[in-house]
Protein backbone atom coordinates (compact mmCIF):
# COMPACT_ATOMS: atom_id res chain seq x y z
CA MET A 1 120.61 66.94 78.13
CA ASN A 2 122.82 65.18 80.66
CA ALA A 3 122.35 65.33 84.41
CA VAL A 4 124.89 68.13 84.98
CA SER A 5 123.27 70.16 82.30
CA ARG A 6 119.84 69.65 83.84
CA LEU A 7 121.17 70.65 87.28
CA VAL A 8 122.68 73.87 85.80
CA ALA A 9 119.36 74.72 83.95
CA VAL A 10 117.39 74.24 87.17
CA ALA A 11 119.81 76.40 89.16
CA LEU A 12 119.54 79.13 86.53
CA VAL A 13 115.68 78.95 86.65
CA LEU A 14 115.83 79.20 90.39
CA MET A 15 118.14 82.08 90.26
CA MET A 16 115.83 83.95 87.77
CA ASN A 17 112.83 83.26 89.83
CA ALA A 18 114.59 84.54 92.90
CA ALA A 19 115.62 87.76 91.06
CA SER A 20 112.10 88.35 89.83
CA ALA A 21 110.68 87.77 93.35
CA GLN A 22 112.89 90.61 95.03
CA GLU A 23 110.81 93.23 96.41
CA TYR A 24 111.42 96.85 95.35
CA PHE A 25 109.60 99.45 97.56
CA GLY A 26 107.64 101.78 95.31
CA ASP A 27 106.70 99.35 92.43
CA ALA A 28 103.20 99.96 91.23
CA ARG A 29 100.47 97.71 92.41
CA PRO A 30 97.96 96.74 89.78
CA ASP A 31 95.50 99.32 91.25
CA ALA A 32 97.96 102.05 91.57
CA PRO A 33 96.79 105.50 90.34
CA GLU A 34 98.17 106.55 86.91
CA LEU A 35 100.98 108.93 88.01
CA ALA A 36 102.56 106.38 90.39
CA ALA A 37 104.27 104.69 87.55
CA ARG A 38 107.96 105.37 87.22
CA GLY A 39 109.10 107.89 84.59
CA PRO A 40 111.29 107.27 81.61
CA ALA A 41 114.71 108.06 83.15
CA LYS A 42 116.94 105.40 84.68
CA VAL A 43 118.11 106.27 88.27
CA GLY A 44 121.48 106.55 89.76
CA VAL A 45 122.25 107.06 93.40
CA ARG A 46 125.24 108.34 95.30
CA THR A 47 126.09 109.12 99.01
CA LEU A 48 127.82 112.36 99.72
CA VAL A 49 128.72 114.25 102.82
CA ALA A 50 128.41 118.01 103.49
CA GLU A 51 129.96 119.85 106.50
CA HIS A 52 128.14 122.77 108.03
CA ARG A 53 130.90 124.39 110.16
CA ASP A 54 130.57 126.85 112.99
CA GLN A 55 127.10 125.95 114.04
CA LEU A 56 125.60 126.17 117.50
CA ASP A 57 125.87 123.04 119.48
CA VAL A 58 122.51 123.52 121.20
CA LEU A 59 122.65 120.31 123.34
CA ARG A 60 125.68 121.64 125.06
CA VAL A 61 124.24 125.17 125.80
CA THR A 62 124.74 126.05 129.49
CA GLU A 63 124.98 129.28 131.52
CA GLN A 64 128.76 129.06 131.54
CA ALA A 65 128.88 128.08 127.77
CA PRO A 66 125.97 129.89 126.06
CA ASN A 67 127.25 129.51 122.56
CA PRO A 68 129.17 126.26 122.00
CA ARG A 69 130.10 125.57 118.40
CA THR A 70 130.23 122.44 116.24
CA THR A 71 130.44 121.15 112.80
CA ARG A 72 127.25 119.36 111.63
CA LYS A 73 128.22 116.57 109.38
CA LEU A 74 125.28 115.69 107.00
CA THR A 75 125.16 112.60 105.05
CA LEU A 76 123.13 112.95 101.91
CA GLU A 77 121.66 110.32 99.60
CA VAL A 78 121.36 111.77 96.07
CA TRP A 79 119.08 110.16 93.37
CA TYR A 80 119.27 111.51 89.85
CA PRO A 81 118.59 110.64 86.19
CA ALA A 82 121.38 108.36 84.95
CA ALA A 83 123.09 107.19 81.84
CA LEU A 84 123.63 103.46 82.31
CA ALA A 85 126.38 101.51 80.66
CA ASN A 86 125.73 98.29 78.73
CA GLY A 87 124.75 95.61 81.18
CA GLN A 88 124.01 97.88 84.10
CA ILE A 89 120.71 97.01 85.79
CA GLU A 90 118.72 99.34 88.11
CA HIS A 91 119.45 97.56 91.37
CA THR A 92 121.23 98.54 94.67
CA VAL A 93 120.96 97.43 98.27
CA TYR A 94 120.47 100.14 100.88
CA THR A 95 121.66 99.63 104.47
CA ASP A 96 119.68 101.47 107.30
CA VAL A 97 119.30 100.68 111.00
CA LEU A 98 116.59 99.69 113.25
CA GLY A 99 115.75 101.29 116.66
CA SER A 100 114.99 104.58 118.16
CA GLY A 101 118.30 105.98 118.96
CA PRO A 102 121.46 104.45 120.57
CA ASN A 103 121.65 102.42 123.70
CA ASP A 104 117.96 101.27 123.85
CA PRO A 105 118.21 97.65 124.82
CA LYS A 106 114.50 97.26 123.68
CA ARG A 107 115.26 98.39 120.20
CA PRO A 108 118.97 98.07 119.48
CA ASN A 109 120.53 99.73 116.47
CA THR A 110 120.65 96.73 114.22
CA PRO A 111 121.55 97.13 110.55
CA PHE A 112 118.98 95.92 107.92
CA GLN A 113 119.01 96.02 104.17
CA PHE A 114 116.46 96.45 101.49
CA ASN A 115 116.45 96.62 97.64
CA GLY A 116 116.34 99.72 95.60
CA ARG A 117 115.82 100.37 91.74
CA ALA A 118 118.77 102.59 91.28
CA VAL A 119 122.46 102.12 90.10
CA ARG A 120 125.13 103.05 92.72
CA ASP A 121 127.49 105.73 91.49
CA ALA A 122 126.07 105.64 87.88
CA ALA A 123 127.03 108.43 85.40
CA PRO A 124 124.38 111.24 85.41
CA ALA A 125 122.31 111.83 82.34
CA ALA A 126 122.47 115.09 80.81
CA ALA A 127 119.06 116.96 80.57
CA ALA A 128 117.72 118.27 77.40
CA PRO A 129 119.62 121.32 75.82
CA ASN A 130 119.37 124.38 78.02
CA VAL A 131 117.30 122.37 80.57
CA ARG A 132 118.36 121.48 84.05
CA TYR A 133 116.70 119.23 86.60
CA PRO A 134 114.58 120.68 89.35
CA LEU A 135 115.73 119.98 92.98
CA VAL A 136 113.79 118.04 95.64
CA ILE A 137 115.20 118.08 99.25
CA VAL A 138 113.71 115.37 101.47
CA SER A 139 113.73 115.57 105.35
CA HIS A 140 112.92 112.55 107.57
CA GLY A 141 111.14 112.28 110.79
CA TYR A 142 112.45 112.18 114.42
CA PRO A 143 114.06 109.61 114.43
CA GLY A 144 114.34 108.52 110.82
CA SER A 145 116.86 108.46 108.01
CA ARG A 146 117.59 109.61 104.55
CA LEU A 147 116.58 106.19 103.16
CA GLN A 148 113.14 106.03 104.79
CA MET A 149 111.23 107.29 101.71
CA SER A 150 113.28 105.57 98.93
CA TYR A 151 110.07 104.47 97.12
CA LEU A 152 109.32 108.21 96.51
CA THR A 153 112.80 109.51 95.94
CA GLU A 154 113.69 106.92 93.20
CA ASN A 155 110.23 107.55 91.61
CA LEU A 156 110.92 111.25 91.38
CA ALA A 157 114.33 110.76 90.00
CA SER A 158 112.99 108.62 87.23
CA LYS A 159 110.73 111.58 86.37
CA GLY A 160 113.63 114.10 85.87
CA TYR A 161 114.40 115.48 89.34
CA VAL A 162 117.60 115.49 91.45
CA VAL A 163 116.53 114.36 94.93
CA VAL A 164 118.72 114.88 97.88
CA ALA A 165 117.58 113.31 101.16
CA ILE A 166 119.34 114.40 104.37
CA ASP A 167 120.47 112.53 107.43
CA HIS A 168 119.90 115.16 110.09
CA PRO A 169 122.53 114.74 112.77
CA GLU A 170 121.08 113.90 116.27
CA SER A 171 117.87 113.14 114.68
CA THR A 172 118.41 109.62 112.94
CA ARG A 173 117.62 106.20 114.26
CA ALA A 174 121.40 105.68 114.76
CA ASP A 175 122.20 108.91 116.58
CA LYS A 176 118.89 110.26 118.16
CA ALA A 177 119.60 112.88 120.72
CA GLY A 178 117.91 115.77 122.52
CA PHE A 179 114.74 117.15 120.73
CA ALA A 180 115.99 120.73 121.02
CA SER A 181 118.57 120.02 118.21
CA THR A 182 115.76 118.89 115.83
CA LEU A 183 113.61 121.91 116.69
CA LEU A 184 116.44 124.27 115.96
CA ASN A 185 118.31 122.70 113.00
CA ARG A 186 115.70 121.44 110.62
CA ARG A 187 115.45 124.81 108.86
CA LEU A 188 119.02 125.50 108.95
CA ASP A 189 119.97 122.09 107.57
CA ASP A 190 117.44 122.50 104.75
CA LEU A 191 118.83 125.96 103.59
CA PHE A 192 122.47 124.70 104.02
CA VAL A 193 121.77 121.72 101.74
CA LEU A 194 120.01 124.17 99.23
CA ASP A 195 123.10 126.31 99.19
CA THR A 196 125.46 123.32 99.02
CA VAL A 197 123.63 121.80 96.03
CA ALA A 198 123.61 125.29 94.44
CA ALA A 199 127.48 125.39 94.67
CA TRP A 200 127.79 121.78 93.34
CA ALA A 201 125.50 122.61 90.48
CA LYS A 202 127.67 125.50 89.14
CA PRO A 203 129.49 124.63 85.87
CA GLY A 204 133.06 123.81 86.67
CA SER A 205 132.54 122.83 90.30
CA GLY A 206 134.07 119.41 89.92
CA ASN A 207 131.01 117.70 91.42
CA PHE A 208 129.00 115.27 89.34
CA LEU A 209 125.99 117.53 89.56
CA ALA A 210 127.80 120.40 87.89
CA GLY A 211 125.51 122.00 85.27
CA LEU A 212 122.69 119.56 85.91
CA VAL A 213 120.56 121.06 88.71
CA ASP A 214 118.22 124.15 88.63
CA VAL A 215 118.14 125.18 92.28
CA ASP A 216 115.76 128.08 91.40
CA ARG A 217 113.10 125.38 91.00
CA SER A 218 113.43 123.62 94.25
CA ALA A 219 110.93 121.74 96.59
CA LEU A 220 111.06 120.56 100.17
CA VAL A 221 109.50 117.22 101.10
CA GLY A 222 109.26 116.57 104.82
CA TYR A 223 107.81 113.92 107.09
CA SER A 224 106.72 114.61 110.69
CA MET A 225 109.57 116.72 112.08
CA GLY A 226 110.82 117.06 108.49
CA GLY A 227 107.44 118.65 107.65
CA TYR A 228 107.77 120.99 110.60
CA GLY A 229 111.24 121.98 109.27
CA ALA A 230 109.92 122.47 105.79
CA LEU A 231 107.02 124.75 106.91
CA ASN A 232 109.52 126.69 109.19
CA THR A 233 111.85 127.11 106.17
CA VAL A 234 109.14 128.69 104.04
CA GLY A 235 107.90 131.30 106.41
CA ALA A 236 106.06 129.60 109.31
CA GLY A 237 107.89 131.34 112.11
CA VAL A 238 107.53 129.62 115.41
CA SER A 239 105.52 131.25 118.23
CA ALA A 240 107.01 132.96 121.31
CA ALA A 241 105.70 129.99 123.40
CA ALA A 242 107.71 127.54 121.19
CA VAL A 243 110.94 129.53 121.85
CA ALA A 244 110.92 128.23 125.36
CA PHE A 245 111.35 124.53 124.22
CA VAL A 246 114.97 125.16 123.35
CA PRO A 247 117.69 126.09 125.91
CA GLY A 248 118.73 129.62 126.21
CA GLY A 249 115.94 130.94 123.96
CA LYS A 250 118.02 129.83 120.92
CA LEU A 251 114.86 128.95 118.93
CA ALA A 252 114.36 132.74 118.45
CA VAL A 253 116.29 132.48 115.26
CA ASN A 254 113.23 130.63 113.83
CA GLN A 255 110.59 132.87 115.39
CA GLN A 256 107.75 134.86 113.66
CA GLY A 257 108.49 138.60 113.95
CA ASN A 258 112.34 138.10 114.00
CA ALA A 259 113.59 140.37 111.17
CA GLU A 260 116.63 138.17 110.45
CA TYR A 261 114.39 135.08 110.17
CA ALA A 262 112.01 136.91 107.67
CA GLN A 263 114.99 137.89 105.52
CA GLN A 264 116.05 134.26 105.16
CA ARG A 265 112.92 133.29 103.22
CA ASP A 266 114.40 131.60 100.10
CA GLY A 267 112.57 132.32 96.81
CA ARG A 268 114.18 129.29 95.21
CA ILE A 269 111.81 127.05 97.01
CA LYS A 270 108.78 126.87 95.05
CA ALA A 271 106.71 124.03 96.68
CA VAL A 272 106.44 122.01 99.93
CA VAL A 273 105.10 118.51 100.50
CA ALA A 274 104.44 118.03 104.18
CA PHE A 275 103.68 114.44 105.33
CA ALA A 276 102.09 114.43 108.81
CA PRO A 277 103.81 117.63 109.83
CA TRP A 278 104.46 117.88 113.50
CA GLY A 279 103.69 121.06 115.56
CA GLY A 280 100.22 122.18 114.96
CA ALA A 281 98.85 120.67 118.23
CA HIS A 282 101.87 121.66 120.27
CA LYS A 283 101.88 125.43 120.36
CA ILE A 284 104.54 125.71 117.89
CA TRP A 285 102.79 128.17 115.61
CA ASP A 286 100.18 130.81 116.28
CA ALA A 287 97.99 132.28 113.43
CA ASP A 288 100.50 134.92 112.46
CA GLY A 289 103.20 132.26 112.17
CA LEU A 290 101.10 130.07 109.80
CA ALA A 291 99.99 133.06 107.84
CA GLY A 292 103.59 133.60 106.90
CA VAL A 293 103.61 130.52 104.52
CA ARG A 294 103.18 131.73 100.92
CA THR A 295 104.62 128.69 99.19
CA PRO A 296 102.24 126.23 97.71
CA VAL A 297 101.87 123.17 100.02
CA LEU A 298 100.63 119.67 99.73
CA PHE A 299 99.65 118.28 103.07
CA ILE A 300 99.28 114.52 103.44
CA SER A 301 98.04 112.90 106.67
CA GLY A 302 96.02 110.14 108.28
CA ASP A 303 92.89 111.32 110.13
CA GLN A 304 93.86 109.17 113.20
CA ASP A 305 97.25 110.52 113.52
CA ASP A 306 98.14 110.29 117.27
CA VAL A 307 101.62 111.86 116.95
CA ALA A 308 101.12 115.01 114.92
CA GLY A 309 97.40 115.29 115.59
CA TYR A 310 94.92 115.66 112.86
CA LYS A 311 92.01 118.18 113.60
CA ASP A 312 94.14 120.03 116.03
CA GLY A 313 97.34 119.23 114.20
CA VAL A 314 97.63 118.80 110.33
CA GLN A 315 94.28 120.05 109.50
CA ARG A 316 94.81 123.21 111.71
CA LEU A 317 98.14 123.81 109.74
CA PHE A 318 96.30 123.38 106.40
CA GLU A 319 93.55 125.78 107.26
CA GLY A 320 95.87 128.21 109.00
CA ALA A 321 98.28 128.70 106.08
CA VAL A 322 95.84 131.27 104.67
CA ASN A 323 98.35 132.94 102.37
CA ALA A 324 99.32 129.76 100.50
CA ASP A 325 97.59 127.80 97.89
CA ARG A 326 97.33 124.36 99.57
CA TYR A 327 95.91 120.90 99.27
CA LEU A 328 95.19 118.29 101.90
CA LEU A 329 95.05 114.39 101.16
CA THR A 330 93.67 112.47 104.05
CA TYR A 331 94.00 108.77 104.56
CA VAL A 332 90.81 107.90 106.44
CA GLY A 333 91.77 105.55 109.36
CA GLY A 334 95.44 106.23 108.98
CA ARG A 335 97.72 107.08 111.72
CA HIS A 336 101.16 108.77 111.47
CA ASN A 337 102.89 106.65 109.02
CA SER A 338 101.63 108.18 105.78
CA ALA A 339 105.19 108.76 104.35
CA PRO A 340 107.82 105.90 104.83
CA ASN A 341 108.64 102.68 103.10
CA PRO A 342 106.76 99.61 104.07
CA PRO A 343 108.23 97.62 107.03
CA SER A 344 111.21 95.54 105.99
CA PRO A 345 111.23 91.78 107.07
CA ALA A 346 113.87 92.63 109.65
CA MET A 347 111.31 94.64 111.61
CA TRP A 348 108.78 91.77 112.06
CA SER A 349 110.57 90.51 115.21
CA ASN A 350 110.02 93.68 117.07
CA ALA A 351 106.53 95.17 117.27
CA ASP A 352 107.97 98.73 117.96
CA ASP A 353 110.21 98.72 114.89
CA PHE A 354 107.33 97.33 112.80
CA GLN A 355 104.77 99.94 114.00
CA SER A 356 107.36 102.69 113.28
CA TYR A 357 106.80 102.00 109.56
CA SER A 358 103.49 100.24 109.20
CA GLU A 359 99.89 101.42 109.25
CA PRO A 360 97.21 99.29 111.20
CA VAL A 361 94.54 99.55 108.54
CA TRP A 362 96.23 100.67 105.37
CA ASP A 363 98.59 98.68 103.19
CA SER A 364 101.80 100.75 103.03
CA ARG A 365 102.42 99.85 99.40
CA ARG A 366 99.05 101.17 98.49
CA ILE A 367 99.89 104.50 100.36
CA ASN A 368 103.19 104.63 98.67
CA ASN A 369 101.61 104.45 95.25
CA ILE A 370 98.91 107.15 96.15
CA ASN A 371 101.74 109.41 97.50
CA GLN A 372 103.79 108.95 94.19
CA HIS A 373 100.76 109.89 92.13
CA PHE A 374 99.78 113.15 94.00
CA VAL A 375 103.43 114.28 94.62
CA THR A 376 104.08 113.71 90.89
CA ALA A 377 101.17 115.95 89.96
CA PHE A 378 101.88 118.63 92.53
CA LEU A 379 105.52 118.96 91.84
CA GLY A 380 105.05 118.67 88.14
CA ILE A 381 102.80 121.70 88.30
CA GLN A 382 104.79 123.71 90.64
CA LEU A 383 108.36 122.95 89.41
CA LYS A 384 107.91 121.98 85.77
CA GLN A 385 104.65 123.82 84.82
CA GLN A 386 103.26 120.50 83.49
CA PRO A 387 99.62 120.26 82.54
CA LEU A 388 98.60 118.10 85.46
CA GLN A 389 96.18 120.30 87.25
CA ALA A 390 93.19 117.99 86.44
CA TYR A 391 94.74 115.38 88.73
CA LEU A 392 94.23 117.89 91.60
CA GLU A 393 90.75 119.00 90.60
CA LEU A 394 88.87 116.29 92.28
CA PRO A 395 85.26 116.09 93.32
CA PRO A 396 84.77 116.26 97.04
CA LEU A 397 83.52 113.19 98.92
CA ALA A 398 79.87 112.91 99.94
CA ALA A 399 78.83 112.92 103.60
CA ASP A 400 78.71 109.02 103.52
CA GLY A 401 82.30 108.93 102.30
CA THR A 402 81.43 108.02 98.73
CA ILE A 403 82.43 109.88 95.59
CA LYS A 404 79.59 111.40 93.66
CA PRO A 405 78.10 111.12 91.23
CA ASP A 406 79.96 107.88 90.34
CA PRO A 407 82.64 106.01 92.22
CA GLY A 408 86.00 106.15 90.42
CA LEU A 409 85.81 109.80 89.05
CA TRP A 410 89.11 110.92 90.56
CA LYS A 411 91.32 111.38 87.54
CA GLY A 412 94.13 108.86 87.26
CA PHE A 413 92.60 106.39 89.67
CA PRO A 414 91.07 102.91 88.33
CA LYS A 415 87.23 102.74 88.72
CA ARG A 416 86.24 101.96 92.10
CA ALA A 417 89.72 102.47 93.60
CA ALA A 418 89.58 105.92 95.00
CA LEU A 419 88.25 104.87 98.41
CA GLY A 420 89.29 105.67 101.91
CA LEU A 421 90.61 109.16 100.77
CA GLU A 422 89.56 112.63 101.35
CA TRP A 423 90.66 115.53 99.36
CA ARG A 424 90.55 119.33 100.05
CA HIS A 425 91.80 122.49 98.26
CA LEU A 426 91.98 126.03 99.75
CA PRO A 427 93.39 128.87 97.52
CA ALA A 428 95.61 131.54 98.89
CA ARG A 429 93.37 134.44 100.24
C-alpha cells in the first residue's frame, strides 16, 4: 500500500469512527428497560404547516376590541413508519433554538442542531392489510418546541405510530409571548390538529398520510403546559378562579360546567401521557374539574418538581382524577425536566439553557429510556390492545425505598436497575 492509499484508508477509518460516535438522543443505554428498545419499523419525518383560521387573538383583547381575530399557524413535525429506498440511512439533523423567548439578551434565540434517527421526507410504509397506525399528538412546555422530545417521538414511530408534535404559536422558545395565549389555546390547538390529521388521513386527501392513520385510536402526550392542555382537552375543565387569568374572561370556553366545553370532549382520544403537568398547585382545577377526566392517564413527574409542584401539583392531579384509570411514575429527586431530550452541547455555555433540559441528580438519557419503556407499555395497551399489562403491574416500594421482596422485580428492568423510582396505580372509581 503506497502513502496515498494509506492516507485514504486512515481518513476512511476516521470518518467511520466519527459517524459511529454521533450521539442520537433516545438510543438505549446498556441498563435500559426492555421496552425502551426501538421497534422494527424504519422512521421517516416531515415538517408540515396547518393554519387555524379565525381564532381569538387573546393577547390583543381590549375593552375597545374584545374579540380580535387571527390565524394560528402551527408548524408540525410528523414522524411515521417509513419504507426506505436502497442506501437510505436513518439519519437527520434537527434545528431548534436556544433561549426563553425573543429579545432576551441573557438567553438569545441562537439556533442549534442535533441528530435524529429518521429519514427526512421518506416514503411512508403501508400498515398491514386493513390496519392503520394509531395517532399520538405531542404538546411541548412553555416555552418549548415540537422537537424537544424527539427521543420519544422517533421511538414511538418505530413501533407503528404516527406521531405529530406541535409548535404552539406564542409558546415556543422562538416566539414566547403572553401566558394567556398558552392557557387558552392548548386545548384548541390539540383538537384542531386532531381534526387536521383526520382530514389528511382520509383516502384521496392528497396528503402522504392518506389511508394510513386511525384517528379513532389517538393519544395526547403533553409536557408541563402541554400536560395542562392535554388534561383540559379530555375533560378537566378549569375552575372559575382560573378564568380570571385570561383577559375578558375568555378562558370560560375551557371551564368546568360550560355546556359547550362539555360537548367538545372527543372520544377519539383514548389515552393521555402527562409529563409534569402544570396547574395542580395554581388553582387551575377544583375537584369537579379533575373528576371530569375519564380518559386513562399516565402521569410522570419528579418529586422535587419546583415548577408544576409535586404533592400539591402532579400528585394532586393524579389523586383527583377519580373517574380515570391512572398511573403515576415518580423520579425520586427529580425536578421538572422529566420529559425533554438531554441538553445539547450548545447549551453548555449558558447555565439557564442547560438547566432548561437537564436534571441535577438524574441522567437525562436514563430518564429518556425509562419514559420510552413505560409510554410504550401504556400506549400499547390503550391504543393497540397489546398484552403489556404486566409491565404496569409492579410491586410497590417499601418504606425504605427498596423493592420487595427482591430488588429488580419490576418487569422489563435489568436486575438491580429499578432504583430511584416510585410507581402508583389508582383505578377509576
